[in-house]
N, C-alpha and C. Protein backbone atom coordinates (compact mmCIF):
# COMPACT_ATOMS: atom_id res chain seq x y z
N UNK A 1 0.65 -0.89 -0.01
CA UNK A 1 -0.35 0.31 -0.22
C UNK A 1 1.10 1.22 -0.08
N UNK A 2 0.49 1.93 -0.48
CA UNK A 2 1.52 3.57 -1.14
C UNK A 2 1.49 4.45 -0.17
N UNK A 3 2.24 5.13 0.78
CA UNK A 3 2.18 6.09 2.04
C UNK A 3 1.75 7.10 1.98
N UNK A 4 0.43 7.11 2.50
CA UNK A 4 0.44 8.68 2.60
C UNK A 4 0.17 10.14 2.47
N UNK A 5 1.27 10.98 0.91
CA UNK A 5 1.61 12.01 0.93
C UNK A 5 1.66 12.46 2.58
N UNK A 6 0.24 13.05 2.87
CA UNK A 6 0.13 13.61 3.96
C UNK A 6 1.42 13.46 5.24
N UNK A 7 1.58 12.14 5.01
CA UNK A 7 2.26 11.96 6.39
C UNK A 7 4.49 12.26 6.07
N UNK A 8 4.24 12.43 4.44
CA UNK A 8 5.78 12.84 4.43
C UNK A 8 5.93 13.85 4.91
N UNK A 9 7.04 14.18 5.80
CA UNK A 9 7.61 15.95 5.88
C UNK A 9 8.84 15.76 4.65
N UNK A 10 9.65 15.28 3.98
CA UNK A 10 10.87 15.03 3.65
C UNK A 10 10.98 14.11 3.53
N UNK A 11 11.34 13.19 1.57
CA UNK A 11 11.02 12.22 1.21
C UNK A 11 12.61 11.62 1.08
N UNK A 12 13.48 12.14 2.19
CA UNK A 12 14.53 11.17 2.30
C UNK A 12 14.28 10.69 3.85
N UNK A 13 13.65 11.13 4.74
CA UNK A 13 13.81 11.36 6.30
C UNK A 13 14.65 10.86 7.00
N UNK A 14 14.06 8.74 6.42
CA UNK A 14 14.83 7.78 6.85
C UNK A 14 16.10 7.57 6.61
N UNK A 15 17.04 8.21 5.86
CA UNK A 15 18.36 7.88 4.74
C UNK A 15 18.90 7.88 5.50
N UNK A 16 20.30 7.02 6.82
CA UNK A 16 20.98 7.40 7.19
C UNK A 16 22.21 8.39 6.54
N UNK A 17 22.62 8.60 5.30
CA UNK A 17 23.66 9.84 4.84
C UNK A 17 23.72 11.06 5.64
N UNK A 18 25.00 11.76 5.82
CA UNK A 18 24.29 12.95 6.02
C UNK A 18 23.80 14.16 5.13
N UNK A 19 24.23 13.73 3.88
CA UNK A 19 23.02 14.45 3.25
C UNK A 19 21.82 14.80 3.84
N UNK A 20 20.86 14.28 4.51
CA UNK A 20 19.78 14.53 5.15
C UNK A 20 19.43 15.53 6.18
N UNK A 21 20.88 15.40 7.21
CA UNK A 21 21.25 16.81 7.76
C UNK A 21 21.71 17.93 7.20
N UNK A 22 22.54 17.98 5.66
CA UNK A 22 22.85 18.89 5.57
C UNK A 22 21.43 19.30 4.83
N UNK A 23 21.21 18.74 4.02
CA UNK A 23 19.48 19.58 3.75
C UNK A 23 18.30 20.07 4.86
N UNK A 24 18.47 19.54 5.84
CA UNK A 24 17.60 19.84 6.08
C UNK A 24 17.80 21.36 7.20
N UNK A 25 19.26 21.48 7.30
CA UNK A 25 20.20 22.31 8.33
C UNK A 25 19.74 23.65 7.01
N UNK A 26 20.07 23.30 5.61
CA UNK A 26 20.51 24.58 4.77
C UNK A 26 18.48 24.72 4.85
N UNK A 27 17.54 24.02 4.60
CA UNK A 27 16.83 24.35 4.67
C UNK A 27 15.73 25.29 5.81
N UNK A 28 16.47 24.74 6.65
CA UNK A 28 16.57 25.43 8.28
C UNK A 28 16.96 27.33 8.36
N UNK A 29 18.06 26.67 6.87
CA UNK A 29 18.42 28.79 7.15
C UNK A 29 18.02 29.25 6.37
N UNK A 30 17.00 28.57 5.03
CA UNK A 30 16.40 29.25 4.08
C UNK A 30 15.02 29.94 4.82
N UNK A 31 14.25 29.01 5.35
CA UNK A 31 13.88 29.46 6.44
C UNK A 31 14.11 30.65 7.19
N UNK A 32 15.02 31.24 7.71
CA UNK A 32 15.40 32.31 8.75
C UNK A 32 15.62 32.96 8.04
N UNK A 33 16.92 32.28 6.69
CA UNK A 33 16.32 33.85 5.66
C UNK A 33 15.71 34.67 5.22
N UNK A 34 14.57 34.10 5.22
CA UNK A 34 12.68 34.66 4.37
C UNK A 34 12.71 35.59 5.99
N UNK A 35 12.27 35.41 7.46
CA UNK A 35 12.39 35.53 8.89
C UNK A 35 13.14 37.15 8.73
N UNK A 36 14.93 37.48 8.11
CA UNK A 36 15.04 38.73 8.82
C UNK A 36 14.94 38.69 7.20
N UNK A 37 14.48 38.62 6.04
CA UNK A 37 13.94 39.24 5.05
C UNK A 37 12.27 40.37 5.31
N UNK A 38 11.91 40.00 6.40
CA UNK A 38 10.20 40.14 6.79
C UNK A 38 10.49 41.39 7.34
N UNK A 39 12.45 41.46 7.95
CA UNK A 39 12.30 42.58 9.18
C UNK A 39 13.32 43.68 8.30
N UNK A 40 13.86 43.34 7.35
CA UNK A 40 14.70 44.27 6.66
C UNK A 40 14.05 45.00 5.89
N UNK A 41 12.87 45.24 5.80
CA UNK A 41 12.46 46.68 4.63
C UNK A 41 13.10 47.73 5.17
N UNK A 42 13.47 48.38 5.91
CA UNK A 42 14.38 49.73 5.92
C UNK A 42 15.51 49.80 5.53
N UNK A 43 15.66 48.40 5.84
CA UNK A 43 17.66 48.53 5.94
C UNK A 43 17.65 47.97 3.81
N UNK A 44 17.35 49.17 2.88
CA UNK A 44 16.92 48.46 1.63
C UNK A 44 18.17 47.37 0.60
N UNK A 45 19.62 47.87 1.33
CA UNK A 45 20.79 47.11 0.66
C UNK A 45 20.69 45.75 1.06
N UNK A 46 20.14 45.59 2.35
CA UNK A 46 20.65 44.25 3.28
C UNK A 46 18.90 43.37 2.73
N UNK A 47 17.88 43.64 2.73
CA UNK A 47 16.79 43.97 2.08
C UNK A 47 16.80 43.24 0.97
N UNK A 48 17.60 43.67 -0.09
CA UNK A 48 18.00 43.07 -1.45
C UNK A 48 18.28 41.95 -1.20
N UNK A 49 19.58 42.55 -0.42
CA UNK A 49 20.85 40.97 -0.79
C UNK A 49 20.14 39.58 -0.50
N UNK A 50 19.47 39.94 0.67
CA UNK A 50 18.37 39.04 1.18
C UNK A 50 17.66 37.94 0.04
N UNK A 51 17.20 38.62 -0.29
CA UNK A 51 16.04 38.21 -1.42
C UNK A 51 17.20 37.33 -2.19
N UNK A 52 17.97 37.98 -2.69
CA UNK A 52 19.12 36.83 -3.67
C UNK A 52 20.14 35.63 -2.69
N UNK A 53 19.98 36.48 -1.17
CA UNK A 53 20.83 34.81 -0.74
C UNK A 53 19.47 34.02 -0.50
N UNK A 54 18.30 34.26 -0.64
CA UNK A 54 17.15 33.40 0.05
C UNK A 54 17.15 31.61 -1.09
N UNK A 55 17.16 32.08 -2.15
CA UNK A 55 17.11 31.10 -3.21
C UNK A 55 18.87 30.40 -3.79
N UNK A 56 19.65 31.31 -2.96
CA UNK A 56 20.65 30.77 -3.36
C UNK A 56 20.77 30.00 -1.58
N UNK A 57 20.44 29.85 -0.80
CA UNK A 57 20.74 29.15 0.05
C UNK A 57 19.78 27.03 -0.14
N UNK A 58 18.99 27.63 -1.28
CA UNK A 58 17.87 26.76 -1.72
C UNK A 58 18.81 25.19 -2.57
N UNK A 59 19.85 26.86 -3.72
CA UNK A 59 20.30 26.24 -4.27
C UNK A 59 21.61 25.74 -3.47
N UNK A 60 21.52 25.88 -2.65
CA UNK A 60 23.44 25.13 -1.52
C UNK A 60 22.73 23.93 -1.57
N UNK A 61 21.39 24.14 -1.42
CA UNK A 61 20.68 22.73 -0.77
C UNK A 61 20.39 21.48 -1.87
N UNK A 62 20.15 21.68 -2.88
CA UNK A 62 20.19 21.12 -3.92
C UNK A 62 21.61 20.87 -3.85
N UNK A 63 22.64 20.80 -4.44
CA UNK A 63 23.91 21.07 -4.63
C UNK A 63 24.84 19.59 -4.11
N UNK A 64 24.23 18.96 -3.01
CA UNK A 64 25.05 17.91 -2.41
C UNK A 64 24.64 16.63 -2.78
N UNK A 65 22.87 16.57 -2.98
CA UNK A 65 22.54 15.36 -3.70
C UNK A 65 22.14 15.62 -5.48
N UNK A 66 21.68 16.93 -5.16
CA UNK A 66 21.45 16.57 -7.06
C UNK A 66 22.37 17.06 -8.12
N UNK A 67 21.68 18.23 -8.74
CA UNK A 67 23.22 19.05 -9.86
C UNK A 67 23.53 19.93 -8.78
N UNK A 68 24.69 19.67 -9.36
CA UNK A 68 25.93 21.63 -8.37
C UNK A 68 24.94 22.50 -9.07
N UNK A 69 24.25 24.13 -8.59
CA UNK A 69 23.38 24.91 -8.87
C UNK A 69 24.55 25.98 -8.43
N UNK A 70 25.60 25.59 -7.22
CA UNK A 70 26.45 26.98 -6.66
C UNK A 70 27.62 27.09 -7.07
N UNK A 71 28.29 28.16 -8.64
CA UNK A 71 29.20 27.70 -8.97
C UNK A 71 30.16 28.68 -8.77
N UNK A 72 31.13 28.57 -8.95
CA UNK A 72 32.64 29.38 -8.55
C UNK A 72 32.22 30.66 -8.68
N UNK A 73 30.92 31.13 -9.65
CA UNK A 73 30.79 32.37 -9.96
C UNK A 73 30.08 33.55 -9.11
N UNK A 74 29.34 32.42 -8.33
CA UNK A 74 27.92 32.57 -7.26
C UNK A 74 29.48 33.16 -5.97
N UNK A 75 30.18 32.07 -5.42
CA UNK A 75 30.68 32.71 -4.53
C UNK A 75 31.94 33.71 -4.75
N UNK A 76 32.46 33.92 -5.78
CA UNK A 76 33.47 35.33 -6.56
C UNK A 76 31.41 36.76 -6.31
N UNK A 77 30.19 36.27 -6.72
CA UNK A 77 29.70 37.15 -6.63
C UNK A 77 29.66 37.37 -4.63
N UNK A 78 29.34 36.19 -3.62
CA UNK A 78 28.81 36.53 -2.54
C UNK A 78 30.33 36.58 -1.88
N UNK A 79 31.58 36.56 -2.42
CA UNK A 79 32.47 37.24 -1.85
C UNK A 79 32.76 38.50 -1.82
N UNK A 80 32.54 39.33 -3.22
CA UNK A 80 31.77 40.88 -3.39
C UNK A 80 30.93 41.03 -2.28
N UNK A 81 29.81 40.61 -2.40
CA UNK A 81 28.83 40.92 -1.31
C UNK A 81 29.78 41.04 0.55
N UNK A 82 29.88 40.22 0.49
CA UNK A 82 31.33 40.87 1.78
C UNK A 82 31.61 40.87 2.18
N UNK A 83 32.41 41.85 1.55
CA UNK A 83 33.51 42.54 0.42
C UNK A 83 32.85 43.77 0.73
N UNK A 84 31.57 43.78 0.44
CA UNK A 84 30.52 45.67 0.49
C UNK A 84 30.34 45.67 2.18
N UNK A 85 30.05 44.42 2.89
CA UNK A 85 29.43 45.03 4.06
C UNK A 85 30.71 45.26 4.69
N UNK A 86 31.34 44.96 4.62
CA UNK A 86 32.78 43.82 5.30
C UNK A 86 33.44 46.26 5.78
N UNK A 87 33.68 46.45 4.31
CA UNK A 87 33.63 47.94 4.29
C UNK A 87 33.05 48.91 4.69
N UNK A 88 31.67 48.36 5.19
CA UNK A 88 30.89 49.35 6.17
C UNK A 88 31.10 49.60 7.60
N UNK A 89 31.69 48.02 7.86
CA UNK A 89 31.48 47.55 9.36
C UNK A 89 33.03 46.97 9.44
N UNK A 90 34.07 47.00 9.47
CA UNK A 90 35.52 47.59 9.31
C UNK A 90 35.70 47.02 10.68
N UNK A 91 34.97 48.85 11.62
CA UNK A 91 35.92 48.57 12.57
C UNK A 91 35.11 47.72 14.03
N UNK A 92 34.21 48.28 13.90
CA UNK A 92 32.73 46.98 14.42
C UNK A 92 32.93 45.30 14.77
N UNK A 93 33.55 45.09 13.29
CA UNK A 93 33.68 43.57 13.56
C UNK A 93 35.57 43.09 14.18
N UNK A 94 36.22 44.67 14.70
CA UNK A 94 37.52 44.08 14.50
C UNK A 94 37.50 43.90 15.94
N UNK A 95 36.45 42.68 16.78
CA UNK A 95 36.64 41.51 17.20
C UNK A 95 35.45 41.33 18.01
N UNK A 96 35.09 40.16 18.20
CA UNK A 96 34.51 39.81 18.71
C UNK A 96 33.43 40.27 19.77
N UNK A 97 32.13 40.17 19.17
CA UNK A 97 30.54 40.91 19.45
C UNK A 97 29.77 39.69 19.95
N UNK A 98 28.81 40.73 21.05
CA UNK A 98 27.59 39.57 21.37
C UNK A 98 26.68 39.68 20.21
N UNK A 99 25.67 38.92 19.83
CA UNK A 99 25.13 38.56 18.53
C UNK A 99 23.83 39.42 19.41
N UNK A 100 23.23 40.39 19.49
CA UNK A 100 22.16 41.45 20.28
C UNK A 100 21.75 42.37 18.82
N UNK A 101 20.89 43.49 19.56
CA UNK A 101 20.88 44.39 18.79
C UNK A 101 19.23 44.72 18.61
N UNK A 102 18.66 45.11 16.74
CA UNK A 102 17.68 45.13 16.83
C UNK A 102 17.19 43.91 16.55
N UNK A 103 15.25 43.86 16.70
CA UNK A 103 15.27 42.42 16.25
C UNK A 103 16.08 42.12 14.28
N UNK A 104 15.65 42.57 13.71
CA UNK A 104 16.43 42.02 12.59
C UNK A 104 17.67 41.31 12.97
N UNK A 105 18.67 42.33 13.54
CA UNK A 105 20.22 41.93 13.28
C UNK A 105 20.17 40.29 14.69
N UNK A 106 19.32 40.90 15.29
CA UNK A 106 19.16 39.18 16.22
C UNK A 106 19.26 38.23 15.10
N UNK A 107 18.10 38.15 14.70
CA UNK A 107 17.90 36.97 13.94
C UNK A 107 18.84 36.73 12.47
N UNK A 108 19.95 38.01 11.92
CA UNK A 108 20.64 37.61 11.43
C UNK A 108 21.47 37.17 12.13
N UNK A 109 21.69 37.14 13.48
CA UNK A 109 22.70 36.10 13.88
C UNK A 109 22.60 35.22 13.40
N UNK A 110 20.85 34.69 14.03
CA UNK A 110 20.36 33.61 13.99
C UNK A 110 20.87 32.60 12.76
N UNK A 111 20.36 33.29 12.14
CA UNK A 111 20.90 33.05 10.08
C UNK A 111 22.20 32.70 9.74
N UNK A 112 23.40 33.55 10.67
CA UNK A 112 24.56 33.22 10.69
C UNK A 112 25.48 31.94 11.30
N UNK A 113 24.28 31.69 12.50
CA UNK A 113 24.77 30.22 13.57
C UNK A 113 24.13 29.03 12.61
N UNK A 114 22.72 29.77 11.82
CA UNK A 114 22.08 28.50 10.31
C UNK A 114 23.64 28.27 9.87
N UNK A 115 24.12 29.38 9.04
CA UNK A 115 25.10 28.98 7.98
C UNK A 115 26.39 27.83 8.91
N UNK A 116 26.65 28.01 9.56
CA UNK A 116 27.78 28.09 10.58
C UNK A 116 27.43 25.80 10.84
N UNK A 117 25.63 26.18 11.00
CA UNK A 117 25.27 24.15 11.44
C UNK A 117 25.69 23.60 10.17
N UNK A 118 25.38 24.45 8.70
CA UNK A 118 25.30 24.02 7.42
C UNK A 118 26.63 23.38 6.89
N UNK A 119 27.44 24.43 7.61
CA UNK A 119 29.20 24.20 7.44
C UNK A 119 29.59 23.10 7.30
N UNK A 120 29.42 22.47 9.30
CA UNK A 120 29.02 21.40 9.55
C UNK A 120 28.32 20.59 9.06
N UNK A 121 27.49 20.45 8.85
CA UNK A 121 26.84 19.51 7.90
C UNK A 121 27.14 19.18 6.18
N UNK A 122 27.87 20.19 6.07
CA UNK A 122 28.41 19.58 4.65
C UNK A 122 29.64 18.69 5.28
N UNK A 123 30.60 19.59 6.12
CA UNK A 123 31.72 18.74 6.35
C UNK A 123 31.45 17.00 6.15
N UNK A 124 30.26 17.14 7.26
CA UNK A 124 29.89 15.50 7.43
C UNK A 124 30.24 14.89 6.38
N UNK A 125 28.78 15.68 4.85
CA UNK A 125 28.87 14.93 3.80
C UNK A 125 30.29 14.33 3.30
N UNK A 126 30.87 15.46 3.66
CA UNK A 126 32.12 15.32 2.53
C UNK A 126 33.55 14.13 3.69
N UNK A 127 32.84 13.50 3.87
CA UNK A 127 33.52 12.51 4.75
C UNK A 127 33.01 11.28 4.23
N UNK A 128 31.74 11.38 3.65
CA UNK A 128 31.21 10.76 2.73
C UNK A 128 31.20 10.51 1.48
N UNK A 129 32.01 11.56 1.36
CA UNK A 129 31.38 12.15 -0.34
C UNK A 129 32.00 12.81 -1.33
N UNK A 130 32.53 13.43 -1.68
CA UNK A 130 33.03 14.28 -2.67
C UNK A 130 32.28 15.64 -2.75
N UNK A 131 32.61 16.39 -2.19
CA UNK A 131 32.22 17.66 -1.71
C UNK A 131 33.20 19.14 -2.73
N UNK A 132 32.36 19.54 -3.97
CA UNK A 132 33.38 19.97 -4.58
C UNK A 132 33.57 21.49 -3.01
N UNK A 133 35.52 21.89 -3.43
CA UNK A 133 35.31 22.79 -2.20
C UNK A 133 34.73 24.52 -2.46
N UNK A 134 33.97 24.61 -3.12
CA UNK A 134 33.63 26.15 -3.32
C UNK A 134 32.35 25.64 -2.68
N UNK A 135 31.19 24.83 -2.34
CA UNK A 135 31.06 24.37 -1.91
C UNK A 135 31.09 25.06 -0.30
N UNK A 136 31.92 23.84 0.15
CA UNK A 136 32.37 24.46 1.47
C UNK A 136 32.59 25.93 2.17
N UNK A 137 33.15 26.83 0.96
CA UNK A 137 33.94 28.37 0.95
C UNK A 137 32.62 28.45 0.92
N UNK A 138 31.46 29.02 0.25
CA UNK A 138 30.22 29.10 0.42
C UNK A 138 29.79 29.29 1.03
N UNK A 139 29.42 28.10 2.12
CA UNK A 139 29.03 27.81 3.02
C UNK A 139 29.36 28.57 4.47
N UNK A 140 30.88 28.81 4.04
CA UNK A 140 31.52 29.45 5.19
C UNK A 140 32.05 31.10 5.16
N UNK A 141 31.10 31.86 3.85
CA UNK A 141 31.24 32.61 3.44
C UNK A 141 30.33 33.48 4.09
N UNK A 142 29.09 32.40 3.98
CA UNK A 142 27.31 32.95 3.83
C UNK A 142 27.32 33.08 5.05
N UNK A 143 28.16 32.35 5.83
CA UNK A 143 27.82 32.90 7.28
C UNK A 143 28.15 34.12 7.90
N UNK A 144 30.18 34.14 7.52
CA UNK A 144 30.35 35.62 7.81
C UNK A 144 29.69 36.73 7.41
N UNK A 145 29.09 36.72 5.94
CA UNK A 145 28.79 37.23 5.21
C UNK A 145 27.07 37.46 5.97
N UNK A 146 26.65 37.28 6.79
CA UNK A 146 25.41 37.07 7.76
C UNK A 146 25.92 37.66 8.85
N UNK A 147 26.54 37.31 9.35
CA UNK A 147 27.47 38.24 10.68
C UNK A 147 27.34 39.39 10.84
N UNK A 148 28.02 39.51 9.03
CA UNK A 148 28.67 41.80 8.66
C UNK A 148 26.92 42.33 8.25
N UNK A 149 26.30 41.12 7.86
CA UNK A 149 24.92 41.96 7.18
C UNK A 149 23.95 42.39 9.22
N UNK A 150 24.86 41.88 10.14
CA UNK A 150 23.73 41.99 11.25
C UNK A 150 24.46 42.92 12.08
N UNK A 151 25.33 43.43 11.85
CA UNK A 151 26.26 44.47 12.19
C UNK A 151 26.09 45.39 11.58
N UNK A 152 26.01 45.52 10.47
CA UNK A 152 25.08 47.07 9.78
C UNK A 152 24.00 46.98 10.00
N UNK A 153 23.10 46.68 10.11
CA UNK A 153 22.17 46.64 10.63
C UNK A 153 21.12 46.73 11.72
N UNK A 154 22.15 46.51 12.84
CA UNK A 154 22.80 47.50 14.04
C UNK A 154 22.91 49.10 13.66
N UNK A 155 23.99 49.18 13.18
CA UNK A 155 25.02 50.49 12.90
C UNK A 155 23.91 51.00 12.25
N UNK A 156 22.76 50.43 10.81
CA UNK A 156 22.10 51.34 9.99
C UNK A 156 20.61 52.41 11.19
N UNK A 157 20.56 51.46 12.36
CA UNK A 157 19.90 52.26 13.67
C UNK A 157 20.84 52.07 14.68
N UNK A 158 21.51 52.62 14.69
CA UNK A 158 21.94 53.75 15.88
C UNK A 158 22.48 52.65 16.73
N UNK A 159 22.60 51.42 16.77
CA UNK A 159 22.81 50.36 18.22
C UNK A 159 24.25 49.94 18.06
N UNK A 160 25.54 49.86 18.50
CA UNK A 160 26.07 49.97 19.39
C UNK A 160 26.84 48.23 19.53
N UNK A 161 27.83 47.61 18.84
CA UNK A 161 27.67 46.58 19.27
C UNK A 161 28.68 45.92 20.50
N UNK A 162 28.32 45.09 21.31
CA UNK A 162 28.83 45.17 22.87
C UNK A 162 29.98 44.14 22.67
N UNK A 163 31.32 44.08 22.50
CA UNK A 163 32.40 43.11 22.59
C UNK A 163 31.99 42.41 23.60
N UNK A 164 32.47 41.11 22.89
CA UNK A 164 33.01 39.74 24.08
C UNK A 164 33.85 39.47 24.34
N UNK A 165 34.45 39.52 25.61
CA UNK A 165 36.04 38.44 26.02
C UNK A 165 35.75 37.46 26.41
N UNK A 166 36.03 36.69 25.86
CA UNK A 166 35.83 35.07 26.62
C UNK A 166 36.91 35.01 27.46
N UNK A 167 35.92 34.72 29.00
CA UNK A 167 37.51 34.11 30.08
C UNK A 167 37.95 32.57 30.05
N UNK A 168 37.33 31.58 28.54
CA UNK A 168 38.13 30.77 28.38
C UNK A 168 39.33 30.43 27.67
N UNK A 169 39.44 32.44 26.81
CA UNK A 169 40.30 31.63 25.80
C UNK A 169 40.91 33.36 25.95
N UNK A 170 42.19 33.23 25.59
CA UNK A 170 43.62 34.28 25.66
C UNK A 170 43.10 35.47 24.88
N UNK A 171 43.08 36.47 24.95
CA UNK A 171 43.56 37.83 24.00
C UNK A 171 44.24 37.71 23.23
N UNK A 172 44.62 37.84 21.77
CA UNK A 172 45.73 38.11 20.92
C UNK A 172 46.32 38.98 21.20
N UNK A 173 47.42 39.30 21.72
CA UNK A 173 47.86 40.77 21.33
C UNK A 173 47.71 41.12 19.78
N UNK A 174 46.91 42.09 19.79
CA UNK A 174 46.80 43.11 18.28
C UNK A 174 48.50 43.21 17.94
N UNK A 175 48.57 43.58 16.21
CA UNK A 175 49.54 43.49 15.68
C UNK A 175 49.40 44.81 14.99
N UNK A 176 50.85 45.69 16.21
CA UNK A 176 51.18 47.24 15.46
C UNK A 176 51.61 46.93 14.22
N UNK A 177 51.20 48.33 13.40
CA UNK A 177 52.01 48.52 12.12
C UNK A 177 53.16 48.69 12.78
N UNK A 178 54.14 48.76 11.70
CA UNK A 178 55.80 48.85 11.65
C UNK A 178 55.45 50.13 11.54
N UNK A 179 56.37 51.35 11.31
CA UNK A 179 56.56 52.29 10.79
C UNK A 179 57.67 52.59 10.36
N UNK A 180 58.03 53.23 9.29
CA UNK A 180 59.84 53.11 9.06
C UNK A 180 60.32 54.57 9.45
N UNK A 181 61.35 54.65 9.42
CA UNK A 181 61.84 56.06 9.77
C UNK A 181 61.87 57.14 8.37
């Protein structure tokens, strides 16, 4: 007897391969990006960039099991987007900060966390099968971009970042720029 489709939320759920966990993680990431979109209409650059990133997260999702949909050109475009945000928030991200601020910024921090979980899930997939290196790079860069976007949103709303100083890890002394006489 054929299973009633109403009871199937995802056709590969019972597989043991790590591909399933990666696809579920990137589905969660895509959903969270949708939530961030709903909160960033007042920051047009972020809103438009998230509109672009949301379907890309689903393309990332299918690029392991299905046809490779995320290209090296997509990675280059993501890198340019990252550079654009870092140029705006370079001072604010020169140290580790707490994930806080506006509702939109905190949701973007959740997106960042979901992207990191996706990187980890993709790593596990790579232990079972070949994964193109640019997919790993894309996933990691996406997490970093979402962090920069969160900080950018806070900056647009006049919210200061709160530095986090770990009690567990020693801080490294900052490198001083050498001056020539």
